Amino acid sequence: MNLKYKEVIIYLLSILVLVIFFYFSINHLIKKKLDIINFIDSDIHEDFEIEITNNLNDINNYLKEYLFIDSHLLKYKNNEINIKIKIKEPFAVNNITKEVIFFDNTTAPFNYFKSDFLDTIKLIDKSKNSVYINKYLNDSYQTLSTLFEINQIEYIDDRRYNLVLTNGRIVMLPKVIDSKLLYFIKNNIDLIDKSTNYRQLLDLRNFHNKTIRLK
């Protein structure tokens, strides 16, 4: 009789322990405040945001792998985490390679970004491989974009560029884009635009040999 009594007591105690365990576990889950994660003014795709969220504990090392990210900032407030991701300045998009090209020659696939962000990048790179921005182009592109309404760019033979303008005309640039070339364009662009010969292309490839061609 005593043995059975002990077994019943042990059984009841086991049940009680389980009940208490489940009670406190459920109560803890109910009362626990879940962290709310906000991405502030984010240009990155929702899927990538989820990946970042899953790596918050080691976010510094995690984001080092993504060279198109210029900086990131986390702010904690109560049960909220606000994340600010700053992306480097984009240069162009290449619809062949499905990549964004940034001014420092970093590239990244389209699927890391929201479509709204991609739509803000107006320059189209039509190179078979994503364009490489050499020193000449880096130093002169801002000036060139004020002289021409550039719609597309193409990297030719890994040495020079063609510019496709919004009106469909092509500007064939020489390998060396220097101050002499830019000065010539600035001072002659109105005359060139008015030329009846300038309908398809402006060939500046031999500019440094004092030869240009209009077609």
C-alpha atoms as a PDB file:
ATOM      1  CA  MET A   1       0.000   0.000   0.000  1.00  0.00           C
ATOM      2  CA  ASN A   2       2.814   2.361   0.860  1.00  0.00           C
ATOM      3  CA  LEU A   3       4.505   1.586  -2.451  1.00  0.00           C
ATOM      4  CA  LYS A   4       1.407   2.415  -4.430  1.00  0.00           C
ATOM      5  CA  TYR A   5       0.950   5.570  -2.405  1.00  0.00           C
ATOM      6  CA  LYS A   6       4.487   6.678  -3.232  1.00  0.00           C
ATOM      7  CA  GLU A   7       3.941   5.967  -6.926  1.00  0.00           C
ATOM      8  CA  VAL A   8       0.788   8.076  -6.930  1.00  0.00           C
ATOM      9  CA  ILE A   9       2.592  10.902  -5.140  1.00  0.00           C
ATOM     10  CA  ILE A  10       5.489  10.778  -7.634  1.00  0.00           C
ATOM     11  CA  TYR A  11       3.038  10.713 -10.540  1.00  0.00           C
ATOM     12  CA  LEU A  12       1.116  13.696  -9.203  1.00  0.00           C
ATOM     13  CA  LEU A  13       4.318  15.614  -8.531  1.00  0.00           C
ATOM     14  CA  SER A  14       5.470  14.948 -12.081  1.00  0.00           C
ATOM     15  CA  ILE A  15       2.188  16.219 -13.444  1.00  0.00           C
ATOM     16  CA  LEU A  16       2.435  19.291 -11.220  1.00  0.00           C
ATOM     17  CA  VAL A  17       5.974  20.050 -12.375  1.00  0.00           C
ATOM     18  CA  LEU A  18       4.899  19.799 -16.022  1.00  0.00           C
ATOM     19  CA  VAL A  19       1.903  22.047 -15.411  1.00  0.00           C
ATOM     20  CA  ILE A  20       4.060  24.637 -13.646  1.00  0.00           C
ATOM     21  CA  PHE A  21       6.659  24.466 -16.437  1.00  0.00           C
ATOM     22  CA  PHE A  22       4.086  25.010 -19.181  1.00  0.00           C
ATOM     23  CA  TYR A  23       2.386  27.748 -17.190  1.00  0.00           C
ATOM     24  CA  PHE A  24       5.550  29.804 -16.774  1.00  0.00           C
ATOM     25  CA  SER A  25       6.692  29.123 -20.344  1.00  0.00           C
ATOM     26  CA  ILE A  26       3.405  30.266 -21.862  1.00  0.00           C
ATOM     27  CA  ASN A  27       3.199  33.194 -19.474  1.00  0.00           C
ATOM     28  CA  HIS A  28       6.725  34.233 -20.448  1.00  0.00           C
ATOM     29  CA  LEU A  29       5.910  34.076 -24.151  1.00  0.00           C
ATOM     30  CA  ILE A  30       2.754  36.106 -23.690  1.00  0.00           C
ATOM     31  CA  LYS A  31       4.483  38.800 -21.681  1.00  0.00           C
ATOM     32  CA  LYS A  32       7.658  38.897 -23.750  1.00  0.00           C
ATOM     33  CA  LYS A  33       7.919  41.939 -25.985  1.00  0.00           C
ATOM     34  CA  LEU A  34       9.039  40.952 -29.448  1.00  0.00           C
ATOM     35  CA  ASP A  35      11.625  43.217 -31.088  1.00  0.00           C
ATOM     36  CA  ILE A  36      10.228  45.313 -33.927  1.00  0.00           C
ATOM     37  CA  ILE A  37      12.813  45.813 -36.662  1.00  0.00           C
ATOM     38  CA  ASN A  38      12.441  48.835 -38.940  1.00  0.00           C
ATOM     39  CA  PHE A  39      14.533  49.565 -42.030  1.00  0.00           C
ATOM     40  CA  ILE A  40      14.590  53.353 -42.434  1.00  0.00           C
ATOM     41  CA  ASP A  41      14.327  54.763 -45.983  1.00  0.00           C
ATOM     42  CA  SER A  42      15.554  51.450 -47.292  1.00  0.00           C
ATOM     43  CA  ASP A  43      16.527  50.854 -50.927  1.00  0.00           C
ATOM     44  CA  ILE A  44      17.373  47.201 -50.371  1.00  0.00           C
ATOM     45  CA  HIS A  45      15.024  44.360 -51.252  1.00  0.00           C
ATOM     46  CA  GLU A  46      12.775  42.839 -48.589  1.00  0.00           C
ATOM     47  CA  ASP A  47      14.460  39.439 -48.925  1.00  0.00           C
ATOM     48  CA  PHE A  48      17.848  40.973 -48.163  1.00  0.00           C
ATOM     49  CA  GLU A  49      16.336  42.833 -45.203  1.00  0.00           C
ATOM     50  CA  ILE A  50      15.253  39.464 -43.794  1.00  0.00           C
ATOM     51  CA  GLU A  51      18.783  38.104 -44.233  1.00  0.00           C
ATOM     52  CA  ILE A  52      20.181  41.111 -42.365  1.00  0.00           C
ATOM     53  CA  THR A  53      17.612  40.649 -39.613  1.00  0.00           C
ATOM     54  CA  ASN A  54      18.712  37.031 -39.201  1.00  0.00           C
ATOM     55  CA  ASN A  55      22.313  38.184 -38.754  1.00  0.00           C
ATOM     56  CA  LEU A  56      21.857  41.097 -36.363  1.00  0.00           C
ATOM     57  CA  ASN A  57      24.104  39.537 -33.716  1.00  0.00           C
ATOM     58  CA  ASP A  58      27.073  39.765 -36.091  1.00  0.00           C
ATOM     59  CA  ILE A  59      25.862  42.486 -38.432  1.00  0.00           C
ATOM     60  CA  ASN A  60      29.225  44.277 -38.754  1.00  0.00           C
ATOM     61  CA  ASN A  61      31.007  41.221 -40.107  1.00  0.00           C
ATOM     62  CA  TYR A  62      27.971  40.139 -42.100  1.00  0.00           C
ATOM     63  CA  LEU A  63      27.640  43.415 -44.028  1.00  0.00           C
ATOM     64  CA  LYS A  64      31.376  43.579 -44.778  1.00  0.00           C
ATOM     65  CA  GLU A  65      30.753  41.052 -47.524  1.00  0.00           C
ATOM     66  CA  TYR A  66      28.442  43.462 -49.372  1.00  0.00           C
ATOM     67  CA  LEU A  67      30.761  46.067 -50.855  1.00  0.00           C
ATOM     68  CA  PHE A  68      27.942  48.169 -52.290  1.00  0.00           C
ATOM     69  CA  ILE A  69      26.930  49.158 -48.731  1.00  0.00           C
ATOM     70  CA  ASP A  70      28.675  52.380 -47.745  1.00  0.00           C
ATOM     71  CA  SER A  71      27.648  52.352 -44.078  1.00  0.00           C
ATOM     72  CA  HIS A  72      25.003  51.123 -41.650  1.00  0.00           C
ATOM     73  CA  LEU A  73      23.572  52.376 -38.390  1.00  0.00           C
ATOM     74  CA  LEU A  74      21.523  50.603 -35.706  1.00  0.00           C
ATOM     75  CA  LYS A  75      19.482  52.436 -33.087  1.00  0.00           C
ATOM     76  CA  TYR A  76      17.716  50.687 -30.220  1.00  0.00           C
ATOM     77  CA  LYS A  77      14.640  52.165 -28.602  1.00  0.00           C
ATOM     78  CA  ASN A  78      12.589  50.093 -26.155  1.00  0.00           C
ATOM     79  CA  ASN A  79      11.638  47.003 -28.153  1.00  0.00           C
ATOM     80  CA  GLU A  80      12.376  48.588 -31.553  1.00  0.00           C
ATOM     81  CA  ILE A  81      15.509  48.333 -33.663  1.00  0.00           C
ATOM     82  CA  ASN A  82      15.887  50.938 -36.401  1.00  0.00           C
ATOM     83  CA  ILE A  83      18.351  50.071 -39.142  1.00  0.00           C
ATOM     84  CA  LYS A  84      19.693  52.605 -41.632  1.00  0.00           C
ATOM     85  CA  ILE A  85      21.585  51.195 -44.616  1.00  0.00           C
ATOM     86  CA  LYS A  86      23.436  53.665 -46.842  1.00  0.00           C
ATOM     87  CA  ILE A  87      24.196  52.413 -50.351  1.00  0.00           C
ATOM     88  CA  LYS A  88      27.088  53.750 -52.424  1.00  0.00           C
ATOM     89  CA  GLU A  89      26.337  56.125 -55.294  1.00  0.00           C
ATOM     90  CA  PRO A  90      25.169  54.142 -58.340  1.00  0.00           C
ATOM     91  CA  PHE A  91      26.573  54.907 -61.786  1.00  0.00           C
ATOM     92  CA  ALA A  92      24.588  52.699 -64.170  1.00  0.00           C
ATOM     93  CA  VAL A  93      22.579  49.520 -64.561  1.00  0.00           C
ATOM     94  CA  ASN A  94      23.457  46.737 -66.971  1.00  0.00           C
ATOM     95  CA  ASN A  95      20.419  44.791 -68.193  1.00  0.00           C
ATOM     96  CA  ILE A  96      22.628  42.121 -69.764  1.00  0.00           C
ATOM     97  CA  THR A  97      24.542  41.190 -66.609  1.00  0.00           C
ATOM     98  CA  LYS A  98      21.612  42.221 -64.359  1.00  0.00           C
ATOM     99  CA  GLU A  99      23.942  44.297 -62.222  1.00  0.00           C
ATOM    100  CA  VAL A 100      24.163  47.762 -60.701  1.00  0.00           C
ATOM    101  CA  ILE A 101      27.526  49.443 -61.251  1.00  0.00           C
ATOM    102  CA  PHE A 102      28.693  51.937 -58.650  1.00  0.00           C
ATOM    103  CA  PHE A 103      31.153  54.805 -59.129  1.00  0.00           C
ATOM    104  CA  ASP A 104      33.905  52.896 -57.285  1.00  0.00           C
ATOM    105  CA  ASN A 105      33.444  49.953 -59.717  1.00  0.00           C
ATOM    106  CA  THR A 106      31.642  47.841 -57.148  1.00  0.00           C
ATOM    107  CA  THR A 107      28.901  45.768 -58.764  1.00  0.00           C
ATOM    108  CA  ALA A 108      25.870  44.033 -57.272  1.00  0.00           C
ATOM    109  CA  PRO A 109      22.999  41.934 -58.665  1.00  0.00           C
ATOM    110  CA  PHE A 110      19.594  43.532 -59.164  1.00  0.00           C
ATOM    111  CA  ASN A 111      17.934  41.235 -56.619  1.00  0.00           C
ATOM    112  CA  TYR A 112      19.540  43.069 -53.693  1.00  0.00           C
ATOM    113  CA  PHE A 113      17.573  46.236 -54.436  1.00  0.00           C
ATOM    114  CA  LYS A 114      14.005  47.476 -54.592  1.00  0.00           C
ATOM    115  CA  SER A 115      12.642  48.186 -58.048  1.00  0.00           C
ATOM    116  CA  ASP A 116      12.070  51.843 -57.071  1.00  0.00           C
ATOM    117  CA  PHE A 117      15.793  52.229 -56.424  1.00  0.00           C
ATOM    118  CA  LEU A 118      16.699  50.621 -59.755  1.00  0.00           C
ATOM    119  CA  ASP A 119      14.289  52.973 -61.539  1.00  0.00           C
ATOM    120  CA  THR A 120      16.173  56.006 -60.209  1.00  0.00           C
ATOM    121  CA  ILE A 121      19.345  54.963 -62.071  1.00  0.00           C
ATOM    122  CA  LYS A 122      18.931  56.536 -65.483  1.00  0.00           C
ATOM    123  CA  LEU A 123      22.206  55.569 -67.176  1.00  0.00           C
ATOM    124  CA  ILE A 124      22.112  52.231 -69.009  1.00  0.00           C
ATOM    125  CA  ASP A 125      25.341  50.305 -69.467  1.00  0.00           C
ATOM    126  CA  LYS A 126      25.089  48.331 -72.710  1.00  0.00           C
ATOM    127  CA  SER A 127      28.483  46.625 -72.392  1.00  0.00           C
ATOM    128  CA  LYS A 128      28.579  42.826 -72.617  1.00  0.00           C
ATOM    129  CA  ASN A 129      30.391  42.827 -69.292  1.00  0.00           C
ATOM    130  CA  SER A 130      29.591  45.497 -66.742  1.00  0.00           C
ATOM    131  CA  VAL A 131      31.368  48.746 -67.545  1.00  0.00           C
ATOM    132  CA  TYR A 132      34.666  49.551 -65.854  1.00  0.00           C
ATOM    133  CA  ILE A 133      35.021  53.200 -64.858  1.00  0.00           C
ATOM    134  CA  ASN A 134      38.640  54.165 -65.497  1.00  0.00           C
ATOM    135  CA  LYS A 135      40.311  57.295 -64.167  1.00  0.00           C
ATOM    136  CA  TYR A 136      39.592  59.281 -67.351  1.00  0.00           C
ATOM    137  CA  LEU A 137      35.870  58.625 -67.162  1.00  0.00           C
ATOM    138  CA  ASN A 138      35.743  59.096 -63.408  1.00  0.00           C
ATOM    139  CA  ASP A 139      37.373  62.520 -63.692  1.00  0.00           C
ATOM    140  CA  SER A 140      35.345  63.690 -66.680  1.00  0.00           C
ATOM    141  CA  TYR A 141      31.893  62.118 -66.440  1.00  0.00           C
ATOM    142  CA  GLN A 142      30.269  64.977 -64.556  1.00  0.00           C
ATOM    143  CA  THR A 143      31.462  67.444 -67.207  1.00  0.00           C
ATOM    144  CA  LEU A 144      30.431  65.156 -70.052  1.00  0.00           C
ATOM    145  CA  SER A 145      26.953  64.789 -68.568  1.00  0.00           C
ATOM    146  CA  THR A 146      26.514  68.561 -68.631  1.00  0.00           C
ATOM    147  CA  LEU A 147      27.583  68.717 -72.291  1.00  0.00           C
ATOM    148  CA  PHE A 148      25.554  65.745 -73.551  1.00  0.00           C
ATOM    149  CA  GLU A 149      22.226  64.212 -72.583  1.00  0.00           C
ATOM    150  CA  ILE A 150      23.647  60.750 -72.011  1.00  0.00           C
ATOM    151  CA  ASN A 151      21.247  57.814 -72.025  1.00  0.00           C
ATOM    152  CA  GLN A 152      23.600  54.838 -72.435  1.00  0.00           C
ATOM    153  CA  ILE A 153      27.287  54.022 -72.186  1.00  0.00           C
ATOM    154  CA  GLU A 154      29.359  51.212 -73.655  1.00  0.00           C
ATOM    155  CA  TYR A 155      32.886  50.140 -72.758  1.00  0.00           C
ATOM    156  CA  ILE A 156      34.767  49.309 -75.966  1.00  0.00           C
ATOM    157  CA  ASP A 157      37.781  46.961 -76.128  1.00  0.00           C
ATOM    158  CA  ASP A 158      38.544  47.567 -72.429  1.00  0.00           C
ATOM    159  CA  ARG A 159      40.025  50.941 -73.311  1.00  0.00           C
ATOM    160  CA  ARG A 160      37.475  53.574 -74.346  1.00  0.00           C
ATOM    161  CA  TYR A 161      33.765  54.473 -74.294  1.00  0.00           C
ATOM    162  CA  ASN A 162      30.843  55.200 -76.579  1.00  0.00           C
ATOM    163  CA  LEU A 163      28.092  57.462 -75.295  1.00  0.00           C
ATOM    164  CA  VAL A 164      24.561  57.035 -76.645  1.00  0.00           C
ATOM    165  CA  LEU A 165      22.535  60.230 -76.277  1.00  0.00           C
ATOM    166  CA  THR A 166      18.812  60.569 -75.654  1.00  0.00           C
ATOM    167  CA  ASN A 167      18.323  61.578 -79.298  1.00  0.00           C
ATOM    168  CA  GLY A 168      20.007  58.362 -80.456  1.00  0.00           C
ATOM    169  CA  ARG A 169      23.279  59.951 -81.564  1.00  0.00           C
ATOM    170  CA  ILE A 170      26.540  58.268 -80.619  1.00  0.00           C
ATOM    171  CA  VAL A 171      29.610  60.053 -79.259  1.00  0.00           C
ATOM    172  CA  MET A 172      32.738  57.949 -79.742  1.00  0.00           C
ATOM    173  CA  LEU A 173      35.245  59.024 -77.109  1.00  0.00           C
ATOM    174  CA  PRO A 174      39.018  58.561 -77.375  1.00  0.00           C
ATOM    175  CA  LYS A 175      40.936  56.535 -74.817  1.00  0.00           C
ATOM    176  CA  VAL A 176      42.352  59.695 -73.251  1.00  0.00           C
ATOM    177  CA  ILE A 177      39.642  62.051 -72.008  1.00  0.00           C
ATOM    178  CA  ASP A 178      41.570  65.097 -70.908  1.00  0.00           C
ATOM    179  CA  SER A 179      41.052  68.826 -70.376  1.00  0.00           C
ATOM    180  CA  LYS A 180      41.895  69.602 -74.035  1.00  0.00           C
ATOM    181  CA  LEU A 181      39.102  67.343 -75.250  1.00  0.00           C
ATOM    182  CA  LEU A 182      36.587  68.725 -72.774  1.00  0.00           C
ATOM    183  CA  TYR A 183      37.579  72.295 -73.643  1.00  0.00           C
ATOM    184  CA  PHE A 184      37.101  71.579 -77.353  1.00  0.00           C
ATOM    185  CA  ILE A 185      33.640  70.093 -76.800  1.00  0.00           C
ATOM    186  CA  LYS A 186      32.561  72.969 -74.562  1.00  0.00           C
ATOM    187  CA  ASN A 187      33.576  75.551 -77.133  1.00  0.00           C
ATOM    188  CA  ASN A 188      32.232  73.766 -80.200  1.00  0.00           C
ATOM    189  CA  ILE A 189      29.164  71.836 -79.041  1.00  0.00           C
ATOM    190  CA  ASP A 190      26.720  74.439 -80.355  1.00  0.00           C
ATOM    191  CA  LEU A 191      28.412  74.435 -83.766  1.00  0.00           C
ATOM    192  CA  ILE A 192      28.494  70.635 -83.824  1.00  0.00           C
ATOM    193  CA  ASP A 193      24.802  70.395 -82.895  1.00  0.00           C
ATOM    194  CA  LYS A 194      23.873  72.715 -85.745  1.00  0.00           C
ATOM    195  CA  SER A 195      25.931  70.814 -88.313  1.00  0.00           C
ATOM    196  CA  THR A 196      23.844  68.996 -90.897  1.00  0.00           C
ATOM    197  CA  ASN A 197      26.533  66.295 -90.933  1.00  0.00           C
ATOM    198  CA  TYR A 198      25.918  65.462 -87.256  1.00  0.00           C
ATOM    199  CA  ARG A 199      22.952  63.110 -87.478  1.00  0.00           C
ATOM    200  CA  GLN A 200      24.262  59.776 -86.255  1.00  0.00           C
ATOM    201  CA  LEU A 201      27.632  60.067 -84.572  1.00  0.00           C
ATOM    202  CA  LEU A 202      30.417  62.309 -83.383  1.00  0.00           C
ATOM    203  CA  ASP A 203      33.716  60.442 -83.702  1.00  0.00           C
ATOM    204  CA  LEU A 204      36.346  61.872 -81.357  1.00  0.00           C
ATOM    205  CA  ARG A 205      38.640  58.818 -81.337  1.00  0.00           C
ATOM    206  CA  ASN A 206      41.391  60.677 -83.228  1.00  0.00           C
ATOM    207  CA  PHE A 207      40.887  64.009 -81.507  1.00  0.00           C
ATOM    208  CA  HIS A 208      44.471  64.094 -80.208  1.00  0.00           C
ATOM    209  CA  ASN A 209      45.621  63.778 -83.804  1.00  0.00           C
ATOM    210  CA  LYS A 210      43.461  66.837 -84.533  1.00  0.00           C
ATOM    211  CA  THR A 211      40.872  64.835 -86.439  1.00  0.00           C
ATOM    212  CA  ILE A 212      37.161  64.472 -85.688  1.00  0.00           C
ATOM    213  CA  ARG A 213      34.446  62.990 -87.844  1.00  0.00           C
ATOM    214  CA  LEU A 214      30.729  63.756 -88.094  1.00  0.00           C
ATOM    215  CA  LYS A 215      28.191  61.473 -89.650  1.00  0.00           C
END
